[in-house]
N, C-alpha and C. Protein backbone atom coordinates (compact mmCIF):
# COMPACT_ATOMS: atom_id res chain seq x y z
N MET A 1 1.91 -1.59 153.02
CA MET A 1 1.07 -2.01 151.92
C MET A 1 1.62 -3.30 151.34
N LYS A 2 0.75 -4.10 150.73
CA LYS A 2 1.16 -5.36 150.14
C LYS A 2 2.12 -5.10 148.97
N LEU A 3 2.98 -6.08 148.72
CA LEU A 3 3.98 -5.95 147.65
C LEU A 3 3.32 -5.75 146.29
N SER A 4 2.22 -6.44 146.04
CA SER A 4 1.53 -6.31 144.75
C SER A 4 0.95 -4.91 144.59
N THR A 5 0.39 -4.35 145.66
CA THR A 5 -0.15 -2.99 145.62
C THR A 5 0.97 -1.98 145.39
N TYR A 6 2.09 -2.21 146.05
CA TYR A 6 3.26 -1.34 145.91
C TYR A 6 3.75 -1.35 144.45
N ALA A 7 3.80 -2.54 143.84
CA ALA A 7 4.25 -2.66 142.44
C ALA A 7 3.32 -1.88 141.52
N LYS A 8 2.01 -2.00 141.73
CA LYS A 8 1.04 -1.27 140.90
C LYS A 8 1.19 0.23 141.08
N LYS A 9 1.42 0.65 142.31
CA LYS A 9 1.57 2.08 142.60
C LYS A 9 2.76 2.68 141.85
N LEU A 10 3.85 1.91 141.77
CA LEU A 10 5.04 2.40 141.07
C LEU A 10 5.00 2.13 139.57
N GLY A 11 4.05 1.33 139.13
CA GLY A 11 3.96 1.01 137.71
C GLY A 11 5.01 0.00 137.29
N LEU A 12 5.42 -0.86 138.23
CA LEU A 12 6.41 -1.89 137.94
C LEU A 12 5.74 -3.25 137.99
N THR A 13 6.41 -4.24 137.44
CA THR A 13 5.88 -5.59 137.51
C THR A 13 6.10 -6.14 138.91
N TYR A 14 5.27 -7.08 139.28
CA TYR A 14 5.40 -7.71 140.59
C TYR A 14 6.76 -8.39 140.71
N LYS A 15 7.20 -9.03 139.63
CA LYS A 15 8.48 -9.74 139.62
C LYS A 15 9.64 -8.79 139.93
N THR A 16 9.61 -7.59 139.36
CA THR A 16 10.67 -6.62 139.59
C THR A 16 10.72 -6.20 141.06
N VAL A 17 9.56 -5.91 141.63
CA VAL A 17 9.50 -5.48 143.03
C VAL A 17 9.88 -6.64 143.96
N TRP A 18 9.47 -7.85 143.58
CA TRP A 18 9.87 -9.04 144.36
C TRP A 18 11.39 -9.17 144.37
N ARG A 19 12.01 -8.99 143.20
CA ARG A 19 13.48 -9.07 143.10
C ARG A 19 14.14 -8.00 143.98
N LEU A 20 13.58 -6.77 143.95
CA LEU A 20 14.12 -5.70 144.78
C LEU A 20 14.02 -6.05 146.26
N TRP A 21 12.91 -6.68 146.65
CA TRP A 21 12.74 -7.09 148.04
C TRP A 21 13.75 -8.17 148.40
N LYS A 22 13.93 -9.17 147.52
CA LYS A 22 14.89 -10.25 147.76
C LYS A 22 16.32 -9.73 147.86
N GLU A 23 16.63 -8.65 147.12
CA GLU A 23 17.97 -8.05 147.16
C GLU A 23 18.15 -7.11 148.35
N GLY A 24 17.10 -6.94 149.14
CA GLY A 24 17.19 -6.10 150.33
C GLY A 24 17.08 -4.62 150.05
N LYS A 25 16.52 -4.25 148.91
CA LYS A 25 16.40 -2.84 148.54
C LYS A 25 15.08 -2.22 148.99
N LEU A 26 14.23 -3.01 149.61
CA LEU A 26 12.95 -2.51 150.11
C LEU A 26 12.91 -2.69 151.63
N ASP A 27 12.33 -1.71 152.29
CA ASP A 27 12.08 -1.85 153.73
C ASP A 27 10.76 -2.60 153.85
N ALA A 28 10.85 -3.92 153.94
CA ALA A 28 9.65 -4.75 153.95
C ALA A 28 9.89 -5.98 154.81
N TYR A 29 8.81 -6.64 155.17
CA TYR A 29 8.89 -7.87 155.95
C TYR A 29 7.83 -8.83 155.43
N GLN A 30 8.03 -10.12 155.77
CA GLN A 30 7.12 -11.15 155.28
C GLN A 30 6.30 -11.71 156.45
N LEU A 31 5.00 -11.78 156.24
CA LEU A 31 4.10 -12.35 157.24
C LEU A 31 4.21 -13.88 157.21
N PRO A 32 3.78 -14.56 158.25
CA PRO A 32 3.82 -16.04 158.25
C PRO A 32 3.02 -16.64 157.10
N THR A 33 2.05 -15.91 156.58
CA THR A 33 1.25 -16.41 155.46
C THR A 33 2.00 -16.31 154.14
N GLY A 34 3.12 -15.61 154.14
CA GLY A 34 3.90 -15.44 152.91
C GLY A 34 3.73 -14.08 152.28
N THR A 35 2.77 -13.30 152.72
CA THR A 35 2.52 -11.96 152.18
C THR A 35 3.66 -11.02 152.58
N VAL A 36 4.15 -10.26 151.61
CA VAL A 36 5.21 -9.30 151.87
C VAL A 36 4.58 -7.92 152.05
N ILE A 37 4.94 -7.26 153.14
CA ILE A 37 4.42 -5.93 153.46
C ILE A 37 5.57 -4.92 153.34
N VAL A 38 5.33 -3.85 152.55
CA VAL A 38 6.34 -2.80 152.35
C VAL A 38 6.08 -1.68 153.35
N ARG A 39 7.14 -1.24 154.04
CA ARG A 39 7.00 -0.19 155.04
C ARG A 39 7.14 1.21 154.45
N GLU A 40 8.03 1.38 153.48
CA GLU A 40 8.28 2.72 152.93
C GLU A 40 8.53 2.66 151.43
N GLU A 41 8.45 3.79 150.77
CA GLU A 41 8.74 3.87 149.34
C GLU A 41 10.23 4.09 149.15
N ILE A 42 10.74 3.63 148.00
CA ILE A 42 12.17 3.77 147.73
C ILE A 42 12.39 4.34 146.33
N LYS A 43 11.57 5.28 145.93
CA LYS A 43 11.65 5.79 144.56
C LYS A 43 13.06 6.22 144.19
N ASP A 44 13.79 6.83 145.15
CA ASP A 44 15.12 7.31 144.83
C ASP A 44 16.11 6.17 144.61
N LYS A 45 15.81 4.97 145.11
CA LYS A 45 16.71 3.82 144.95
C LYS A 45 16.41 3.02 143.68
N LEU A 46 15.23 3.20 143.11
CA LEU A 46 14.86 2.42 141.93
C LEU A 46 15.65 2.85 140.70
N PRO A 47 15.95 1.89 139.82
CA PRO A 47 16.69 2.26 138.61
C PRO A 47 15.86 3.17 137.73
N ASN A 48 16.47 4.28 137.28
CA ASN A 48 15.74 5.18 136.41
C ASN A 48 16.60 5.76 135.30
N LYS A 49 17.87 5.40 135.25
CA LYS A 49 18.73 5.85 134.17
C LYS A 49 18.56 4.85 133.03
N ILE A 50 17.97 5.31 131.93
CA ILE A 50 17.54 4.37 130.90
C ILE A 50 18.22 4.61 129.55
N CYS A 51 18.21 3.53 128.79
CA CYS A 51 18.65 3.57 127.39
C CYS A 51 17.45 3.17 126.55
N ILE A 52 17.17 3.95 125.53
CA ILE A 52 16.07 3.65 124.62
C ILE A 52 16.64 2.99 123.38
N TYR A 53 16.07 1.84 122.99
CA TYR A 53 16.52 1.14 121.79
C TYR A 53 15.37 1.03 120.81
N THR A 54 15.60 1.51 119.58
CA THR A 54 14.60 1.40 118.51
C THR A 54 15.24 0.70 117.32
N ARG A 55 14.41 -0.06 116.58
CA ARG A 55 14.93 -0.79 115.43
C ARG A 55 13.83 -0.95 114.40
N VAL A 56 14.23 -0.87 113.12
CA VAL A 56 13.37 -1.25 112.01
C VAL A 56 14.14 -2.24 111.15
N SER A 57 13.41 -3.03 110.37
CA SER A 57 14.04 -4.10 109.58
C SER A 57 14.78 -3.60 108.35
N SER A 58 14.28 -2.53 107.74
CA SER A 58 14.92 -2.07 106.50
C SER A 58 14.96 -0.54 106.46
N SER A 59 15.83 -0.03 105.59
CA SER A 59 15.99 1.42 105.49
C SER A 59 14.74 2.10 104.93
N GLU A 60 13.86 1.33 104.31
CA GLU A 60 12.60 1.89 103.81
C GLU A 60 11.74 2.42 104.97
N ASN A 61 11.96 1.90 106.17
CA ASN A 61 11.15 2.26 107.33
C ASN A 61 11.83 3.25 108.27
N LYS A 62 12.81 4.00 107.75
CA LYS A 62 13.56 4.92 108.62
C LYS A 62 12.67 5.97 109.28
N ASP A 63 11.60 6.38 108.61
CA ASP A 63 10.67 7.34 109.22
C ASP A 63 10.05 6.76 110.49
N ASN A 64 9.72 5.48 110.43
CA ASN A 64 9.16 4.81 111.60
C ASN A 64 10.17 4.75 112.74
N LEU A 65 11.44 4.66 112.41
CA LEU A 65 12.51 4.63 113.41
C LEU A 65 12.49 5.90 114.24
N LYS A 66 12.38 7.04 113.58
CA LYS A 66 12.34 8.34 114.26
C LYS A 66 11.07 8.46 115.12
N ARG A 67 9.94 7.99 114.58
CA ARG A 67 8.69 8.07 115.34
C ARG A 67 8.74 7.17 116.57
N GLN A 68 9.34 5.99 116.41
CA GLN A 68 9.52 5.07 117.53
C GLN A 68 10.33 5.73 118.64
N ALA A 69 11.44 6.35 118.25
CA ALA A 69 12.32 7.02 119.22
C ALA A 69 11.59 8.15 119.93
N GLU A 70 10.81 8.90 119.19
CA GLU A 70 10.09 10.03 119.79
C GLU A 70 9.02 9.53 120.77
N ARG A 71 8.30 8.47 120.40
CA ARG A 71 7.27 7.91 121.30
C ARG A 71 7.91 7.42 122.60
N LEU A 72 9.03 6.72 122.48
CA LEU A 72 9.69 6.19 123.67
C LEU A 72 10.29 7.30 124.52
N LYS A 73 10.77 8.34 123.87
CA LYS A 73 11.30 9.49 124.61
C LYS A 73 10.19 10.13 125.44
N GLU A 74 9.04 10.34 124.82
CA GLU A 74 7.89 10.92 125.54
C GLU A 74 7.45 10.01 126.69
N TYR A 75 7.45 8.71 126.44
CA TYR A 75 7.09 7.74 127.47
C TYR A 75 8.05 7.84 128.66
N ALA A 76 9.35 7.89 128.37
CA ALA A 76 10.36 7.95 129.44
C ALA A 76 10.22 9.24 130.25
N ILE A 77 9.97 10.33 129.58
CA ILE A 77 9.80 11.61 130.27
C ILE A 77 8.56 11.56 131.17
N ALA A 78 7.48 10.99 130.65
CA ALA A 78 6.24 10.87 131.43
C ALA A 78 6.44 9.99 132.66
N ARG A 79 7.31 8.99 132.56
CA ARG A 79 7.58 8.10 133.70
C ARG A 79 8.61 8.70 134.66
N GLY A 80 9.23 9.80 134.27
CA GLY A 80 10.22 10.44 135.13
C GLY A 80 11.60 9.81 135.05
N TYR A 81 11.86 9.08 133.97
CA TYR A 81 13.17 8.44 133.80
C TYR A 81 14.20 9.45 133.31
N GLN A 82 15.44 9.20 133.67
CA GLN A 82 16.56 9.99 133.16
C GLN A 82 17.06 9.27 131.91
N ILE A 83 16.98 9.93 130.76
CA ILE A 83 17.39 9.31 129.50
C ILE A 83 18.90 9.42 129.36
N TYR A 84 19.55 8.28 129.31
CA TYR A 84 21.00 8.21 129.15
C TYR A 84 21.38 8.24 127.68
N LYS A 85 20.66 7.46 126.87
CA LYS A 85 21.02 7.32 125.46
C LYS A 85 19.82 6.84 124.67
N ILE A 86 19.71 7.33 123.41
CA ILE A 86 18.70 6.83 122.47
C ILE A 86 19.45 6.21 121.30
N VAL A 87 19.21 4.93 121.07
CA VAL A 87 19.91 4.19 120.02
C VAL A 87 18.91 3.79 118.94
N GLU A 88 19.21 4.17 117.70
CA GLU A 88 18.36 3.82 116.56
C GLU A 88 19.16 2.91 115.64
N GLU A 89 18.56 1.80 115.22
CA GLU A 89 19.28 0.85 114.38
C GLU A 89 18.38 0.29 113.29
N VAL A 90 18.99 0.08 112.12
CA VAL A 90 18.30 -0.56 111.00
C VAL A 90 18.93 -1.94 110.84
N GLY A 91 18.11 -2.98 110.96
CA GLY A 91 18.61 -4.34 110.82
C GLY A 91 17.53 -5.34 111.18
N SER A 92 17.71 -6.54 110.72
CA SER A 92 16.75 -7.61 110.96
C SER A 92 16.76 -8.01 112.43
N GLY A 93 15.60 -8.33 112.95
CA GLY A 93 15.47 -8.78 114.33
C GLY A 93 16.06 -10.16 114.56
N VAL A 94 16.34 -10.90 113.49
CA VAL A 94 16.95 -12.22 113.63
C VAL A 94 18.47 -12.15 113.50
N ASN A 95 18.99 -11.00 113.11
CA ASN A 95 20.44 -10.82 112.99
C ASN A 95 21.03 -10.74 114.40
N ASP A 96 21.91 -11.66 114.72
CA ASP A 96 22.51 -11.65 116.07
C ASP A 96 23.84 -10.91 116.10
N ASN A 97 24.11 -10.11 115.08
CA ASN A 97 25.36 -9.36 115.03
C ASN A 97 25.09 -7.89 114.72
N ARG A 98 24.11 -7.30 115.40
CA ARG A 98 23.82 -5.88 115.22
C ARG A 98 24.79 -5.08 116.09
N LYS A 99 25.56 -4.19 115.45
CA LYS A 99 26.64 -3.48 116.15
C LYS A 99 26.13 -2.57 117.26
N LYS A 100 25.09 -1.79 116.98
CA LYS A 100 24.59 -0.85 117.99
C LYS A 100 23.99 -1.58 119.18
N LEU A 101 23.28 -2.66 118.91
CA LEU A 101 22.71 -3.44 120.00
C LEU A 101 23.83 -4.05 120.84
N SER A 102 24.85 -4.58 120.19
CA SER A 102 25.98 -5.15 120.92
C SER A 102 26.64 -4.12 121.83
N GLN A 103 26.77 -2.90 121.33
CA GLN A 103 27.39 -1.83 122.12
C GLN A 103 26.57 -1.51 123.37
N ILE A 104 25.26 -1.40 123.22
CA ILE A 104 24.46 -1.05 124.40
C ILE A 104 24.32 -2.22 125.37
N LEU A 105 24.42 -3.45 124.87
CA LEU A 105 24.38 -4.59 125.78
C LEU A 105 25.64 -4.63 126.65
N LYS A 106 26.75 -4.13 126.13
CA LYS A 106 28.01 -4.08 126.88
C LYS A 106 28.10 -2.86 127.80
N ASP A 107 27.32 -1.84 127.53
CA ASP A 107 27.36 -0.57 128.27
C ASP A 107 26.84 -0.77 129.69
N LYS A 108 27.57 -0.27 130.68
CA LYS A 108 27.18 -0.43 132.08
C LYS A 108 26.59 0.83 132.69
N ASP A 109 26.42 1.89 131.90
CA ASP A 109 26.04 3.19 132.43
C ASP A 109 24.54 3.45 132.47
N TYR A 110 23.72 2.43 132.38
CA TYR A 110 22.27 2.60 132.50
C TYR A 110 21.70 1.39 133.23
N ASN A 111 20.50 1.55 133.77
CA ASN A 111 19.90 0.48 134.57
C ASN A 111 18.73 -0.21 133.89
N LYS A 112 18.17 0.46 132.89
CA LYS A 112 16.97 -0.09 132.26
C LYS A 112 17.00 0.18 130.77
N LEU A 113 16.64 -0.83 129.99
CA LEU A 113 16.54 -0.71 128.53
C LEU A 113 15.06 -0.65 128.18
N ILE A 114 14.68 0.38 127.43
CA ILE A 114 13.28 0.56 127.04
C ILE A 114 13.14 0.24 125.56
N VAL A 115 12.19 -0.65 125.22
CA VAL A 115 11.87 -0.96 123.83
C VAL A 115 10.36 -0.86 123.67
N GLU A 116 9.92 -0.56 122.44
CA GLU A 116 8.48 -0.42 122.21
C GLU A 116 7.78 -1.78 122.20
N HIS A 117 8.35 -2.74 121.49
CA HIS A 117 7.84 -4.10 121.41
C HIS A 117 9.00 -5.06 121.65
N LYS A 118 8.71 -6.27 122.11
CA LYS A 118 9.76 -7.27 122.32
C LYS A 118 10.56 -7.50 121.05
N ASP A 119 9.86 -7.57 119.91
CA ASP A 119 10.54 -7.90 118.66
C ASP A 119 11.41 -6.76 118.14
N ARG A 120 11.32 -5.59 118.73
CA ARG A 120 12.23 -4.50 118.35
C ARG A 120 13.62 -4.80 118.89
N LEU A 121 13.68 -5.53 120.00
CA LEU A 121 14.98 -5.93 120.56
C LEU A 121 15.49 -7.16 119.82
N THR A 122 14.66 -8.18 119.73
CA THR A 122 15.05 -9.41 119.04
C THR A 122 13.81 -10.23 118.71
N ARG A 123 13.86 -10.95 117.60
CA ARG A 123 12.73 -11.81 117.23
C ARG A 123 12.75 -13.09 118.05
N PHE A 124 13.93 -13.59 118.36
CA PHE A 124 14.07 -14.84 119.10
C PHE A 124 15.02 -14.63 120.27
N GLY A 125 14.78 -15.29 121.36
CA GLY A 125 15.68 -15.25 122.50
C GLY A 125 15.48 -14.09 123.44
N PHE A 126 14.33 -13.43 123.39
CA PHE A 126 14.09 -12.28 124.27
C PHE A 126 14.22 -12.69 125.74
N ASN A 127 13.68 -13.85 126.08
CA ASN A 127 13.73 -14.29 127.49
C ASN A 127 15.16 -14.53 127.96
N TYR A 128 16.04 -15.01 127.09
CA TYR A 128 17.44 -15.20 127.47
C TYR A 128 18.10 -13.86 127.78
N ILE A 129 17.84 -12.87 126.94
CA ILE A 129 18.41 -11.54 127.16
C ILE A 129 17.86 -10.97 128.46
N SER A 130 16.58 -11.16 128.70
CA SER A 130 15.96 -10.66 129.93
C SER A 130 16.58 -11.30 131.17
N ILE A 131 16.82 -12.59 131.12
CA ILE A 131 17.45 -13.29 132.25
C ILE A 131 18.85 -12.74 132.50
N LEU A 132 19.62 -12.54 131.43
CA LEU A 132 20.97 -11.99 131.58
C LEU A 132 20.93 -10.58 132.16
N PHE A 133 19.98 -9.77 131.71
CA PHE A 133 19.83 -8.42 132.24
C PHE A 133 19.55 -8.47 133.75
N ASN A 134 18.66 -9.36 134.16
CA ASN A 134 18.34 -9.48 135.58
C ASN A 134 19.58 -9.88 136.39
N GLN A 135 20.40 -10.75 135.83
CA GLN A 135 21.64 -11.16 136.50
C GLN A 135 22.60 -9.98 136.67
N LEU A 136 22.54 -9.04 135.74
CA LEU A 136 23.41 -7.86 135.80
C LEU A 136 22.79 -6.73 136.61
N GLY A 137 21.60 -6.97 137.16
CA GLY A 137 20.93 -5.93 137.93
C GLY A 137 20.25 -4.89 137.05
N LYS A 138 20.04 -5.25 135.79
CA LYS A 138 19.36 -4.36 134.85
C LYS A 138 17.98 -4.92 134.54
N GLU A 139 17.22 -4.13 133.80
CA GLU A 139 15.85 -4.52 133.49
C GLU A 139 15.53 -4.11 132.06
N ILE A 140 14.67 -4.89 131.40
CA ILE A 140 14.15 -4.52 130.09
C ILE A 140 12.68 -4.17 130.28
N GLU A 141 12.30 -2.99 129.83
CA GLU A 141 10.90 -2.58 129.92
C GLU A 141 10.32 -2.51 128.52
N VAL A 142 9.29 -3.32 128.29
CA VAL A 142 8.59 -3.34 127.01
C VAL A 142 7.35 -2.48 127.16
N VAL A 143 7.25 -1.43 126.37
CA VAL A 143 6.16 -0.48 126.50
C VAL A 143 4.85 -1.06 125.98
N ASN A 144 4.89 -1.71 124.83
CA ASN A 144 3.68 -2.22 124.20
C ASN A 144 3.83 -3.73 124.01
N GLU A 145 3.06 -4.50 124.75
CA GLU A 145 3.17 -5.96 124.71
C GLU A 145 2.42 -6.60 123.55
N THR A 146 1.69 -5.83 122.75
CA THR A 146 0.92 -6.42 121.65
C THR A 146 1.84 -6.81 120.51
N ASP A 147 1.34 -7.69 119.64
CA ASP A 147 2.11 -8.15 118.48
C ASP A 147 2.32 -7.01 117.50
N ASN A 148 3.42 -7.09 116.74
CA ASN A 148 3.74 -6.06 115.77
C ASN A 148 3.23 -6.45 114.38
N SER A 149 3.49 -5.63 113.40
CA SER A 149 2.92 -5.81 112.07
C SER A 149 3.35 -7.09 111.38
N LYS A 150 2.48 -7.59 110.52
CA LYS A 150 2.76 -8.82 109.78
C LYS A 150 3.89 -8.61 108.77
N GLN A 151 4.01 -7.39 108.24
CA GLN A 151 5.04 -7.11 107.24
C GLN A 151 6.44 -7.30 107.82
N ASP A 152 6.68 -6.79 109.02
CA ASP A 152 7.98 -6.98 109.66
C ASP A 152 8.24 -8.44 109.92
N LEU A 153 7.21 -9.16 110.36
CA LEU A 153 7.35 -10.58 110.64
C LEU A 153 7.69 -11.35 109.36
N MET A 154 7.04 -11.02 108.27
CA MET A 154 7.33 -11.68 106.99
C MET A 154 8.76 -11.37 106.52
N GLN A 155 9.19 -10.13 106.71
CA GLN A 155 10.55 -9.75 106.33
C GLN A 155 11.57 -10.57 107.13
N ASP A 156 11.32 -10.74 108.41
CA ASP A 156 12.23 -11.53 109.24
C ASP A 156 12.16 -13.01 108.88
N PHE A 157 10.98 -13.50 108.50
CA PHE A 157 10.85 -14.89 108.07
C PHE A 157 11.69 -15.13 106.82
N ILE A 158 11.64 -14.21 105.88
CA ILE A 158 12.44 -14.31 104.66
C ILE A 158 13.92 -14.28 105.01
N SER A 159 14.30 -13.42 105.98
CA SER A 159 15.70 -13.35 106.41
C SER A 159 16.18 -14.67 107.00
N ILE A 160 15.30 -15.33 107.77
CA ILE A 160 15.66 -16.62 108.36
C ILE A 160 15.90 -17.65 107.27
N ILE A 161 14.99 -17.72 106.31
CA ILE A 161 15.13 -18.69 105.21
C ILE A 161 16.40 -18.42 104.43
N THR A 162 16.67 -17.15 104.13
CA THR A 162 17.88 -16.78 103.39
C THR A 162 19.13 -17.19 104.17
N SER A 163 19.12 -16.92 105.47
CA SER A 163 20.27 -17.26 106.31
C SER A 163 20.52 -18.77 106.32
N PHE A 164 19.46 -19.56 106.48
CA PHE A 164 19.63 -21.01 106.50
C PHE A 164 20.06 -21.55 105.15
N CYS A 165 19.56 -20.98 104.06
CA CYS A 165 19.99 -21.41 102.73
C CYS A 165 21.48 -21.13 102.54
N ALA A 166 21.91 -19.95 102.96
CA ALA A 166 23.32 -19.59 102.83
C ALA A 166 24.19 -20.55 103.65
N ARG A 167 23.73 -20.90 104.83
CA ARG A 167 24.49 -21.85 105.65
C ARG A 167 24.54 -23.22 105.00
N LEU A 168 23.39 -23.65 104.46
CA LEU A 168 23.32 -24.97 103.83
C LEU A 168 24.29 -25.05 102.65
N TYR A 169 24.25 -24.06 101.77
CA TYR A 169 25.15 -24.07 100.62
C TYR A 169 26.60 -23.89 101.06
N GLY A 170 26.81 -23.13 102.11
CA GLY A 170 28.16 -22.96 102.65
C GLY A 170 28.70 -24.26 103.21
N LEU A 171 27.83 -25.06 103.86
CA LEU A 171 28.26 -26.35 104.38
C LEU A 171 28.64 -27.30 103.26
N ARG A 172 27.85 -27.28 102.19
CA ARG A 172 28.16 -28.15 101.05
C ARG A 172 29.50 -27.76 100.43
N ARG A 173 29.70 -26.43 100.29
CA ARG A 173 30.94 -25.95 99.71
C ARG A 173 32.13 -26.30 100.61
N SER A 174 31.97 -26.17 101.92
CA SER A 174 33.07 -26.48 102.83
C SER A 174 33.36 -27.98 102.83
N LYS A 175 32.31 -28.81 102.66
CA LYS A 175 32.52 -30.25 102.59
C LYS A 175 33.35 -30.60 101.36
N ARG A 176 33.00 -29.97 100.22
CA ARG A 176 33.79 -30.21 99.00
C ARG A 176 35.22 -29.74 99.18
N LYS A 177 35.39 -28.59 99.85
CA LYS A 177 36.72 -28.05 100.08
C LYS A 177 37.52 -29.00 100.98
N THR A 178 36.90 -29.55 102.01
CA THR A 178 37.56 -30.50 102.90
C THR A 178 37.98 -31.75 102.14
N GLU A 179 37.08 -32.25 101.28
CA GLU A 179 37.41 -33.43 100.47
C GLU A 179 38.59 -33.14 99.55
N LYS A 180 38.64 -31.93 98.99
CA LYS A 180 39.73 -31.55 98.09
C LYS A 180 41.06 -31.50 98.86
N ILE A 181 41.05 -30.97 100.07
CA ILE A 181 42.27 -30.90 100.89
C ILE A 181 42.75 -32.29 101.23
N ILE A 182 41.82 -33.18 101.60
CA ILE A 182 42.21 -34.57 101.93
C ILE A 182 42.82 -35.25 100.72
N LYS A 183 42.22 -35.03 99.54
CA LYS A 183 42.74 -35.65 98.32
C LYS A 183 44.15 -35.14 98.02
N GLU A 184 44.34 -33.82 98.17
CA GLU A 184 45.67 -33.24 97.93
C GLU A 184 46.71 -33.77 98.92
N LEU A 185 46.32 -33.95 100.16
CA LEU A 185 47.24 -34.50 101.15
C LEU A 185 47.61 -35.94 100.82
N LYS A 186 46.61 -36.71 100.39
CA LYS A 186 46.88 -38.10 100.00
C LYS A 186 47.79 -38.16 98.79
N ASP A 187 47.53 -37.30 97.78
CA ASP A 187 48.36 -37.27 96.59
C ASP A 187 49.78 -36.88 96.94
N GLU A 188 49.92 -35.90 97.82
CA GLU A 188 51.25 -35.45 98.24
C GLU A 188 51.98 -36.57 98.98
N LYS A 189 51.27 -37.30 99.82
CA LYS A 189 51.85 -38.40 100.58
C LYS A 189 52.28 -39.51 99.63
N ASN A 190 51.43 -39.83 98.62
CA ASN A 190 51.75 -40.87 97.63
C ASN A 190 52.93 -40.49 96.77
N SER A 191 53.07 -39.22 96.45
CA SER A 191 54.17 -38.79 95.59
C SER A 191 55.51 -38.85 96.32
N LYS A 192 55.49 -38.77 97.66
CA LYS A 192 56.73 -38.84 98.45
C LYS A 192 57.18 -40.28 98.61
N ILE A 193 56.28 -41.21 98.45
CA ILE A 193 56.63 -42.62 98.63
C ILE A 193 57.34 -43.18 97.48
């Protein structure tokens, strides 16, 4: 069967199945026209040990966190995945220092990360994380590709503005501190002369 048909049959993206073929994990061959034909199924070789990651922006939405986890758990069971871990985290999607996310990104004991929406993993840089996952032989599966609520987006927008303001004022303060150190060094040098 054609590679695209095979991908649809397994419920995977064409890109994922193409990568598996390029890595030699599929019994397939390529016709002179470029079409890839798959000879057999490899369900037992496909990654199925998964980690579920859920996130909400604030503790006010903790109920949604539990519902997110339950929906993804049901999804994973329906797909026949082996659930390795379910991680729930409260934090902004623009925060690049989320402890639980950092831990699962370092974890090597699963093959696929399942998230409900792209922005549940991160507001910015999703494609970079996806590229790194592919390099590690892992995959990110986004269950729902539609946009998420405006309220979460506004909360993250406010977080970005707050973060940049803090950096701006911090830079000004550090500039004044640097000027003060230089002045003290000059005064100390002049007093020794």
